[in-house]
């Protein structure tokens, strides 16, 4: 069984700041991590491989420094890794990104493709399904349970009032929720081995036979970000200490009256 997991290196949102003039993310100096949903998808893929055999390949599109995310995936247990990195890929929106990744996946080959539901830096939840559409694959989105039965994938989707169990014949694509699997810890041996392992880097020239330059980068991106903005933090409130019950009630009532709530 050949499983390909698509991961993305994203800025740690706890450390992200926005440029007040441009509304864009300030990434300089911000630590990067593997997207949470992608890590869960990788763990689920590793568990399937351990159960039925096969290989797990990780694919990441990004700048050269995204190899750090791939080495982390290798340290977790992935068998090999591909980095898709080129100037021509810069500025790609979700559609162009999916086009590039789908082209690479055709060249790599697969039985199952696993992606995260969405990336924490964009929250579009579009790339996974777009890859599936471009590869003409049956797909299951929002999976929080995953198993294999012969040539079929068994996926669980949880809704508010019911759960769906779906049986899908491979090859297929699954987008994973972070609840799908708890990512394993990297061992010291795994980390050492990961930094000794070679990562295959593909640029535009490696994919150009099947990739039209008009389909990628800014030129091939039909969407643009109009504005980004940070979440406004709530008032932390007032801490009232060393009050008797009667004093606490009086203080709370005074605050409610002050804010015209009562």
C-alpha atoms as a PDB file:
ATOM      1  CA  UNK A   1       0.000   0.000   0.000  1.00  0.00           C
ATOM      2  CA  UNK A   2       1.509   3.313  -1.085  1.00  0.00           C
ATOM      3  CA  UNK A   3       0.295   6.267   0.975  1.00  0.00           C
ATOM      4  CA  UNK A   4       1.222   9.855   0.159  1.00  0.00           C
ATOM      5  CA  UNK A   5       0.672  12.485   2.844  1.00  0.00           C
ATOM      6  CA  UNK A   6       0.636  16.166   1.902  1.00  0.00           C
ATOM      7  CA  UNK A   7       1.916  18.414   4.676  1.00  0.00           C
ATOM      8  CA  UNK A   8       2.395  22.153   4.983  1.00  0.00           C
ATOM      9  CA  UNK A   9       4.873  24.126   7.029  1.00  0.00           C
ATOM     10  CA  UNK A  10       2.936  26.950   8.677  1.00  0.00           C
ATOM     11  CA  UNK A  11       3.810  29.765  11.074  1.00  0.00           C
ATOM     12  CA  UNK A  12       2.943  29.103  14.696  1.00  0.00           C
ATOM     13  CA  UNK A  13      -0.238  31.169  14.975  1.00  0.00           C
ATOM     14  CA  UNK A  14       0.453  31.884  18.641  1.00  0.00           C
ATOM     15  CA  UNK A  15       3.461  33.930  17.496  1.00  0.00           C
ATOM     16  CA  UNK A  16       2.060  35.498  14.310  1.00  0.00           C
ATOM     17  CA  UNK A  17       1.642  39.242  13.936  1.00  0.00           C
ATOM     18  CA  UNK A  18       0.026  41.286  11.174  1.00  0.00           C
ATOM     19  CA  UNK A  19       1.449  44.241   9.312  1.00  0.00           C
ATOM     20  CA  UNK A  20      -1.060  47.022  10.148  1.00  0.00           C
ATOM     21  CA  UNK A  21      -0.447  48.757   6.804  1.00  0.00           C
ATOM     22  CA  UNK A  22      -0.645  45.816   4.403  1.00  0.00           C
ATOM     23  CA  UNK A  23      -2.774  43.424   6.453  1.00  0.00           C
ATOM     24  CA  UNK A  24      -0.375  40.586   5.592  1.00  0.00           C
ATOM     25  CA  UNK A  25       1.263  38.093   7.927  1.00  0.00           C
ATOM     26  CA  UNK A  26       4.702  38.977   9.267  1.00  0.00           C
ATOM     27  CA  UNK A  27       6.541  35.652   8.984  1.00  0.00           C
ATOM     28  CA  UNK A  28      10.085  36.835   9.697  1.00  0.00           C
ATOM     29  CA  UNK A  29      11.309  35.465  12.991  1.00  0.00           C
ATOM     30  CA  UNK A  30       8.134  33.438  13.546  1.00  0.00           C
ATOM     31  CA  UNK A  31       8.739  29.739  14.332  1.00  0.00           C
ATOM     32  CA  UNK A  32       7.261  27.266  11.852  1.00  0.00           C
ATOM     33  CA  UNK A  33       5.503  23.982  12.577  1.00  0.00           C
ATOM     34  CA  UNK A  34       3.770  21.204  10.665  1.00  0.00           C
ATOM     35  CA  UNK A  35       0.107  22.081  10.250  1.00  0.00           C
ATOM     36  CA  UNK A  36      -1.932  20.335  12.983  1.00  0.00           C
ATOM     37  CA  UNK A  37      -4.390  18.517  10.710  1.00  0.00           C
ATOM     38  CA  UNK A  38      -1.502  17.354   8.515  1.00  0.00           C
ATOM     39  CA  UNK A  39       0.334  15.853  11.503  1.00  0.00           C
ATOM     40  CA  UNK A  40      -2.789  13.917  12.440  1.00  0.00           C
ATOM     41  CA  UNK A  41      -3.119  12.705   8.847  1.00  0.00           C
ATOM     42  CA  UNK A  42       0.516  11.612   8.846  1.00  0.00           C
ATOM     43  CA  UNK A  43       0.048   9.672  12.076  1.00  0.00           C
ATOM     44  CA  UNK A  44      -3.024   7.918  10.672  1.00  0.00           C
ATOM     45  CA  UNK A  45      -1.058   7.007   7.544  1.00  0.00           C
ATOM     46  CA  UNK A  46       1.789   5.589   9.625  1.00  0.00           C
ATOM     47  CA  UNK A  47      -0.671   3.486  11.611  1.00  0.00           C
ATOM     48  CA  UNK A  48      -2.199   2.102   8.398  1.00  0.00           C
ATOM     49  CA  UNK A  49       1.253   1.249   7.066  1.00  0.00           C
ATOM     50  CA  UNK A  50       2.177  -0.478  10.307  1.00  0.00           C
ATOM     51  CA  UNK A  51      -1.043  -2.489  10.091  1.00  0.00           C
ATOM     52  CA  UNK A  52      -1.015  -3.642   6.454  1.00  0.00           C
ATOM     53  CA  UNK A  53       2.484  -2.861   5.206  1.00  0.00           C
ATOM     54  CA  UNK A  54       3.604  -0.514   2.468  1.00  0.00           C
ATOM     55  CA  UNK A  55       5.204   2.922   2.449  1.00  0.00           C
ATOM     56  CA  UNK A  56       4.392   6.451   3.564  1.00  0.00           C
ATOM     57  CA  UNK A  57       5.699   9.316   1.435  1.00  0.00           C
ATOM     58  CA  UNK A  58       5.428  12.940   2.560  1.00  0.00           C
ATOM     59  CA  UNK A  59       5.124  15.832   0.114  1.00  0.00           C
ATOM     60  CA  UNK A  60       5.446  19.510   0.962  1.00  0.00           C
ATOM     61  CA  UNK A  61       5.312  22.564  -1.284  1.00  0.00           C
ATOM     62  CA  UNK A  62       7.191  25.560   0.021  1.00  0.00           C
ATOM     63  CA  UNK A  63      10.515  27.401   0.250  1.00  0.00           C
ATOM     64  CA  UNK A  64      13.797  25.500   0.779  1.00  0.00           C
ATOM     65  CA  UNK A  65      13.502  25.839   4.570  1.00  0.00           C
ATOM     66  CA  UNK A  66      10.333  23.724   4.464  1.00  0.00           C
ATOM     67  CA  UNK A  67      12.688  20.745   4.477  1.00  0.00           C
ATOM     68  CA  UNK A  68      12.620  21.085   8.274  1.00  0.00           C
ATOM     69  CA  UNK A  69       8.962  20.016   8.285  1.00  0.00           C
ATOM     70  CA  UNK A  70       9.778  17.092   6.007  1.00  0.00           C
ATOM     71  CA  UNK A  71      12.597  15.944   8.286  1.00  0.00           C
ATOM     72  CA  UNK A  72      10.219  16.063  11.226  1.00  0.00           C
ATOM     73  CA  UNK A  73       7.843  13.837   9.248  1.00  0.00           C
ATOM     74  CA  UNK A  74      10.721  11.466   8.468  1.00  0.00           C
ATOM     75  CA  UNK A  75      11.633  11.404  12.160  1.00  0.00           C
ATOM     76  CA  UNK A  76       8.048  10.398  12.949  1.00  0.00           C
ATOM     77  CA  UNK A  77       8.461   7.401  10.648  1.00  0.00           C
ATOM     78  CA  UNK A  78       7.758   8.413   7.043  1.00  0.00           C
ATOM     79  CA  UNK A  79       9.741   6.441   4.472  1.00  0.00           C
ATOM     80  CA  UNK A  80      10.676   9.209   2.032  1.00  0.00           C
ATOM     81  CA  UNK A  81      10.015  12.865   1.327  1.00  0.00           C
ATOM     82  CA  UNK A  82       9.576  15.286  -1.569  1.00  0.00           C
ATOM     83  CA  UNK A  83       9.923  19.068  -1.454  1.00  0.00           C
ATOM     84  CA  UNK A  84       8.237  21.030  -4.252  1.00  0.00           C
ATOM     85  CA  UNK A  85      10.086  24.324  -4.383  1.00  0.00           C
ATOM     86  CA  UNK A  86      10.631  26.838  -7.189  1.00  0.00           C
ATOM     87  CA  UNK A  87      10.342  30.547  -7.876  1.00  0.00           C
ATOM     88  CA  UNK A  88       7.661  29.724 -10.428  1.00  0.00           C
ATOM     89  CA  UNK A  89       5.498  28.307  -7.619  1.00  0.00           C
ATOM     90  CA  UNK A  90       5.596  31.524  -5.560  1.00  0.00           C
ATOM     91  CA  UNK A  91       2.323  33.389  -5.091  1.00  0.00           C
ATOM     92  CA  UNK A  92       0.164  30.372  -5.901  1.00  0.00           C
ATOM     93  CA  UNK A  93      -3.349  30.419  -4.475  1.00  0.00           C
ATOM     94  CA  UNK A  94      -5.136  27.233  -3.447  1.00  0.00           C
ATOM     95  CA  UNK A  95      -6.071  26.317  -7.015  1.00  0.00           C
ATOM     96  CA  UNK A  96      -2.546  26.755  -8.380  1.00  0.00           C
ATOM     97  CA  UNK A  97      -1.089  24.989  -5.334  1.00  0.00           C
ATOM     98  CA  UNK A  98      -3.383  22.008  -5.868  1.00  0.00           C
ATOM     99  CA  UNK A  99      -2.373  21.931  -9.545  1.00  0.00           C
ATOM    100  CA  UNK A 100       1.319  21.717  -8.655  1.00  0.00           C
ATOM    101  CA  UNK A 101       0.840  19.080  -5.961  1.00  0.00           C
ATOM    102  CA  UNK A 102      -1.496  16.979  -8.115  1.00  0.00           C
ATOM    103  CA  UNK A 103       1.079  17.006 -10.917  1.00  0.00           C
ATOM    104  CA  UNK A 104       3.752  15.785  -8.498  1.00  0.00           C
ATOM    105  CA  UNK A 105       1.477  13.069  -7.100  1.00  0.00           C
ATOM    106  CA  UNK A 106       0.861  11.695 -10.593  1.00  0.00           C
ATOM    107  CA  UNK A 107       4.615  11.309 -10.977  1.00  0.00           C
ATOM    108  CA  UNK A 108       5.112   9.751  -7.534  1.00  0.00           C
ATOM    109  CA  UNK A 109       2.173   7.336  -7.701  1.00  0.00           C
ATOM    110  CA  UNK A 110      -0.141   6.376  -4.829  1.00  0.00           C
ATOM    111  CA  UNK A 111      -2.952   4.201  -3.531  1.00  0.00           C
ATOM    112  CA  UNK A 112      -4.115   6.684  -0.906  1.00  0.00           C
ATOM    113  CA  UNK A 113      -3.572  10.432  -0.592  1.00  0.00           C
ATOM    114  CA  UNK A 114      -4.002  12.017   2.846  1.00  0.00           C
ATOM    115  CA  UNK A 115      -4.111  15.773   3.426  1.00  0.00           C
ATOM    116  CA  UNK A 116      -5.103  17.884   6.388  1.00  0.00           C
ATOM    117  CA  UNK A 117      -8.571  19.391   6.372  1.00  0.00           C
ATOM    118  CA  UNK A 118      -7.163  22.920   6.319  1.00  0.00           C
ATOM    119  CA  UNK A 119      -4.056  24.913   7.163  1.00  0.00           C
ATOM    120  CA  UNK A 120      -4.043  27.158  10.211  1.00  0.00           C
ATOM    121  CA  UNK A 121      -2.508  30.047   8.246  1.00  0.00           C
ATOM    122  CA  UNK A 122      -5.201  30.108   5.559  1.00  0.00           C
ATOM    123  CA  UNK A 123      -8.211  28.158   6.844  1.00  0.00           C
ATOM    124  CA  UNK A 124      -9.637  27.638   3.347  1.00  0.00           C
ATOM    125  CA  UNK A 125      -9.972  23.812   3.435  1.00  0.00           C
ATOM    126  CA  UNK A 126      -9.679  23.937  -0.357  1.00  0.00           C
ATOM    127  CA  UNK A 127      -6.346  22.387  -1.362  1.00  0.00           C
ATOM    128  CA  UNK A 128      -7.144  18.792  -0.371  1.00  0.00           C
ATOM    129  CA  UNK A 129     -10.455  18.585  -2.255  1.00  0.00           C
ATOM    130  CA  UNK A 130      -8.952  20.441  -5.222  1.00  0.00           C
ATOM    131  CA  UNK A 131      -6.145  17.881  -5.442  1.00  0.00           C
ATOM    132  CA  UNK A 132      -8.759  15.124  -5.406  1.00  0.00           C
ATOM    133  CA  UNK A 133     -10.727  16.788  -8.191  1.00  0.00           C
ATOM    134  CA  UNK A 134      -7.666  17.330 -10.355  1.00  0.00           C
ATOM    135  CA  UNK A 135      -6.688  13.678  -9.942  1.00  0.00           C
ATOM    136  CA  UNK A 136     -10.306  12.538 -10.513  1.00  0.00           C
ATOM    137  CA  UNK A 137     -10.302  10.681  -7.202  1.00  0.00           C
ATOM    138  CA  UNK A 138     -13.172   9.725  -4.914  1.00  0.00           C
ATOM    139  CA  UNK A 139     -12.606  11.599  -1.683  1.00  0.00           C
ATOM    140  CA  UNK A 140     -13.714  11.774   1.930  1.00  0.00           C
ATOM    141  CA  UNK A 141     -13.352  15.077   3.750  1.00  0.00           C
ATOM    142  CA  UNK A 142     -13.341  15.790   7.507  1.00  0.00           C
ATOM    143  CA  UNK A 143     -12.272  12.259   8.445  1.00  0.00           C
ATOM    144  CA  UNK A 144     -11.796  11.536  12.133  1.00  0.00           C
ATOM    145  CA  UNK A 145     -11.506   7.769  11.794  1.00  0.00           C
ATOM    146  CA  UNK A 146      -9.554   5.776   9.212  1.00  0.00           C
ATOM    147  CA  UNK A 147      -9.032   2.079   8.567  1.00  0.00           C
ATOM    148  CA  UNK A 148      -8.328  -0.205   5.629  1.00  0.00           C
ATOM    149  CA  UNK A 149     -10.167  -3.289   4.384  1.00  0.00           C
ATOM    150  CA  UNK A 150      -8.475  -4.887   1.393  1.00  0.00           C
ATOM    151  CA  UNK A 151      -8.694  -2.434  -1.501  1.00  0.00           C
ATOM    152  CA  UNK A 152     -11.027  -0.132   0.428  1.00  0.00           C
ATOM    153  CA  UNK A 153     -10.592   2.684   2.917  1.00  0.00           C
ATOM    154  CA  UNK A 154     -13.092   2.873   5.788  1.00  0.00           C
ATOM    155  CA  UNK A 155     -13.488   6.474   6.939  1.00  0.00           C
ATOM    156  CA  UNK A 156     -15.561   7.940   9.758  1.00  0.00           C
ATOM    157  CA  UNK A 157     -17.120  11.395   9.582  1.00  0.00           C
ATOM    158  CA  UNK A 158     -18.762  12.766  12.722  1.00  0.00           C
ATOM    159  CA  UNK A 159     -21.657  15.208  12.520  1.00  0.00           C
ATOM    160  CA  UNK A 160     -23.636  16.887  15.294  1.00  0.00           C
ATOM    161  CA  UNK A 161     -26.318  14.212  15.527  1.00  0.00           C
ATOM    162  CA  UNK A 162     -24.866  11.247  13.659  1.00  0.00           C
ATOM    163  CA  UNK A 163     -21.721   9.598  12.348  1.00  0.00           C
ATOM    164  CA  UNK A 164     -21.129   8.404   8.800  1.00  0.00           C
ATOM    165  CA  UNK A 165     -18.985   5.361   8.008  1.00  0.00           C
ATOM    166  CA  UNK A 166     -17.855   5.475   4.378  1.00  0.00           C
ATOM    167  CA  UNK A 167     -16.250   2.669   2.391  1.00  0.00           C
ATOM    168  CA  UNK A 168     -14.233   3.992  -0.550  1.00  0.00           C
ATOM    169  CA  UNK A 169     -12.235   2.016  -3.085  1.00  0.00           C
ATOM    170  CA  UNK A 170      -8.624   3.031  -3.580  1.00  0.00           C
ATOM    171  CA  UNK A 171      -7.074   5.025  -5.111  1.00  0.00           C
ATOM    172  CA  UNK A 172      -8.782   7.808  -3.178  1.00  0.00           C
ATOM    173  CA  UNK A 173      -8.120  10.932  -1.129  1.00  0.00           C
ATOM    174  CA  UNK A 174      -8.925  11.675   2.514  1.00  0.00           C
ATOM    175  CA  UNK A 175      -8.736  15.020   4.328  1.00  0.00           C
ATOM    176  CA  UNK A 176      -8.009  14.627   8.023  1.00  0.00           C
ATOM    177  CA  UNK A 177      -9.234  16.406  11.120  1.00  0.00           C
ATOM    178  CA  UNK A 178      -6.763  16.896  13.957  1.00  0.00           C
ATOM    179  CA  UNK A 179      -8.872  14.416  15.962  1.00  0.00           C
ATOM    180  CA  UNK A 180      -8.055  11.633  13.488  1.00  0.00           C
ATOM    181  CA  UNK A 181      -4.952  10.491  15.368  1.00  0.00           C
ATOM    182  CA  UNK A 182      -2.659  11.659  18.151  1.00  0.00           C
ATOM    183  CA  UNK A 183       0.772  12.240  16.561  1.00  0.00           C
ATOM    184  CA  UNK A 184       3.568  10.132  17.981  1.00  0.00           C
ATOM    185  CA  UNK A 185       6.699  11.571  19.519  1.00  0.00           C
ATOM    186  CA  UNK A 186       9.915  11.565  17.546  1.00  0.00           C
ATOM    187  CA  UNK A 187      12.643   9.323  18.919  1.00  0.00           C
ATOM    188  CA  UNK A 188      16.267  10.440  19.135  1.00  0.00           C
ATOM    189  CA  UNK A 189      17.193   7.717  16.643  1.00  0.00           C
ATOM    190  CA  UNK A 190      14.408   8.867  14.332  1.00  0.00           C
ATOM    191  CA  UNK A 191      15.660  12.460  14.425  1.00  0.00           C
ATOM    192  CA  UNK A 192      19.248  11.407  13.714  1.00  0.00           C
ATOM    193  CA  UNK A 193      18.179   9.183  10.826  1.00  0.00           C
ATOM    194  CA  UNK A 194      15.920  11.906   9.398  1.00  0.00           C
ATOM    195  CA  UNK A 195      18.812  14.355   9.090  1.00  0.00           C
ATOM    196  CA  UNK A 196      20.917  11.737   7.310  1.00  0.00           C
ATOM    197  CA  UNK A 197      18.185  10.904   4.818  1.00  0.00           C
ATOM    198  CA  UNK A 198      18.030  12.568   1.414  1.00  0.00           C
ATOM    199  CA  UNK A 199      14.985  14.650   0.507  1.00  0.00           C
ATOM    200  CA  UNK A 200      14.008  14.740  -3.158  1.00  0.00           C
ATOM    201  CA  UNK A 201      13.572  18.329  -4.341  1.00  0.00           C
ATOM    202  CA  UNK A 202      11.478  18.981  -7.431  1.00  0.00           C
ATOM    203  CA  UNK A 203      11.318  22.361  -9.113  1.00  0.00           C
ATOM    204  CA  UNK A 204       9.386  23.548 -12.133  1.00  0.00           C
ATOM    205  CA  UNK A 205      11.777  21.843 -14.573  1.00  0.00           C
ATOM    206  CA  UNK A 206      11.058  18.462 -12.960  1.00  0.00           C
ATOM    207  CA  UNK A 207       7.322  18.843 -13.561  1.00  0.00           C
ATOM    208  CA  UNK A 208       7.173  21.067 -16.648  1.00  0.00           C
ATOM    209  CA  UNK A 209       6.200  18.260 -19.028  1.00  0.00           C
ATOM    210  CA  UNK A 210       2.824  18.094 -17.286  1.00  0.00           C
ATOM    211  CA  UNK A 211       2.634  21.586 -15.791  1.00  0.00           C
ATOM    212  CA  UNK A 212       1.665  24.642 -17.806  1.00  0.00           C
ATOM    213  CA  UNK A 213       3.356  27.797 -16.413  1.00  0.00           C
ATOM    214  CA  UNK A 214       0.092  29.637 -17.037  1.00  0.00           C
ATOM    215  CA  UNK A 215      -1.552  27.462 -14.357  1.00  0.00           C
ATOM    216  CA  UNK A 216       0.779  28.263 -11.453  1.00  0.00           C
ATOM    217  CA  UNK A 217       2.153  31.150  -9.410  1.00  0.00           C
ATOM    218  CA  UNK A 218       0.446  34.523  -9.408  1.00  0.00           C
ATOM    219  CA  UNK A 219      -0.308  34.192 -13.111  1.00  0.00           C
ATOM    220  CA  UNK A 220      -2.273  31.001 -12.579  1.00  0.00           C
ATOM    221  CA  UNK A 221      -4.047  32.110  -9.399  1.00  0.00           C
ATOM    222  CA  UNK A 222      -7.637  33.302  -9.906  1.00  0.00           C
ATOM    223  CA  UNK A 223      -7.984  34.483  -6.295  1.00  0.00           C
ATOM    224  CA  UNK A 224      -6.197  37.153  -4.288  1.00  0.00           C
ATOM    225  CA  UNK A 225      -6.216  38.034  -0.588  1.00  0.00           C
ATOM    226  CA  UNK A 226      -7.987  41.376  -0.173  1.00  0.00           C
ATOM    227  CA  UNK A 227      -7.357  41.801   3.549  1.00  0.00           C
ATOM    228  CA  UNK A 228      -6.049  39.908   6.561  1.00  0.00           C
ATOM    229  CA  UNK A 229      -6.747  40.951  10.129  1.00  0.00           C
ATOM    230  CA  UNK A 230      -6.002  39.696  13.602  1.00  0.00           C
ATOM    231  CA  UNK A 231      -8.515  38.483  16.108  1.00  0.00           C
ATOM    232  CA  UNK A 232      -9.407  41.101  18.679  1.00  0.00           C
ATOM    233  CA  UNK A 233      -8.632  39.912  22.176  1.00  0.00           C
ATOM    234  CA  UNK A 234     -11.347  40.152  24.791  1.00  0.00           C
ATOM    235  CA  UNK A 235     -10.991  42.356  27.822  1.00  0.00           C
ATOM    236  CA  UNK A 236      -9.162  40.173  30.359  1.00  0.00           C
ATOM    237  CA  UNK A 237     -11.595  41.340  33.022  1.00  0.00           C
ATOM    238  CA  UNK A 238     -11.056  42.478  36.590  1.00  0.00           C
ATOM    239  CA  UNK A 239      -9.725  40.215  39.318  1.00  0.00           C
ATOM    240  CA  UNK A 240     -11.410  40.839  42.656  1.00  0.00           C
ATOM    241  CA  UNK A 241      -9.459  39.479  45.593  1.00  0.00           C
ATOM    242  CA  UNK A 242      -9.864  39.294  49.343  1.00  0.00           C
ATOM    243  CA  UNK A 243     -13.546  40.274  49.327  1.00  0.00           C
ATOM    244  CA  UNK A 244     -16.253  38.963  51.580  1.00  0.00           C
ATOM    245  CA  UNK A 245     -19.307  37.459  49.810  1.00  0.00           C
ATOM    246  CA  UNK A 246     -21.305  40.651  50.463  1.00  0.00           C
ATOM    247  CA  UNK A 247     -18.490  42.847  49.150  1.00  0.00           C
ATOM    248  CA  UNK A 248     -18.141  40.659  46.053  1.00  0.00           C
ATOM    249  CA  UNK A 249     -21.867  40.961  45.302  1.00  0.00           C
ATOM    250  CA  UNK A 250     -21.721  44.742  45.719  1.00  0.00           C
ATOM    251  CA  UNK A 251     -18.667  45.002  43.443  1.00  0.00           C
ATOM    252  CA  UNK A 252     -20.258  42.867  40.721  1.00  0.00           C
ATOM    253  CA  UNK A 253     -23.526  44.800  40.895  1.00  0.00           C
ATOM    254  CA  UNK A 254     -21.607  48.068  40.604  1.00  0.00           C
ATOM    255  CA  UNK A 255     -19.856  46.817  37.456  1.00  0.00           C
ATOM    256  CA  UNK A 256     -23.135  45.687  35.891  1.00  0.00           C
ATOM    257  CA  UNK A 257     -24.739  49.056  36.607  1.00  0.00           C
ATOM    258  CA  UNK A 258     -21.656  50.877  35.273  1.00  0.00           C
ATOM    259  CA  UNK A 259     -21.984  49.015  31.955  1.00  0.00           C
ATOM    260  CA  UNK A 260     -25.749  49.569  31.815  1.00  0.00           C
ATOM    261  CA  UNK A 261     -26.414  45.834  31.920  1.00  0.00           C
ATOM    262  CA  UNK A 262     -28.871  46.341  34.792  1.00  0.00           C
END
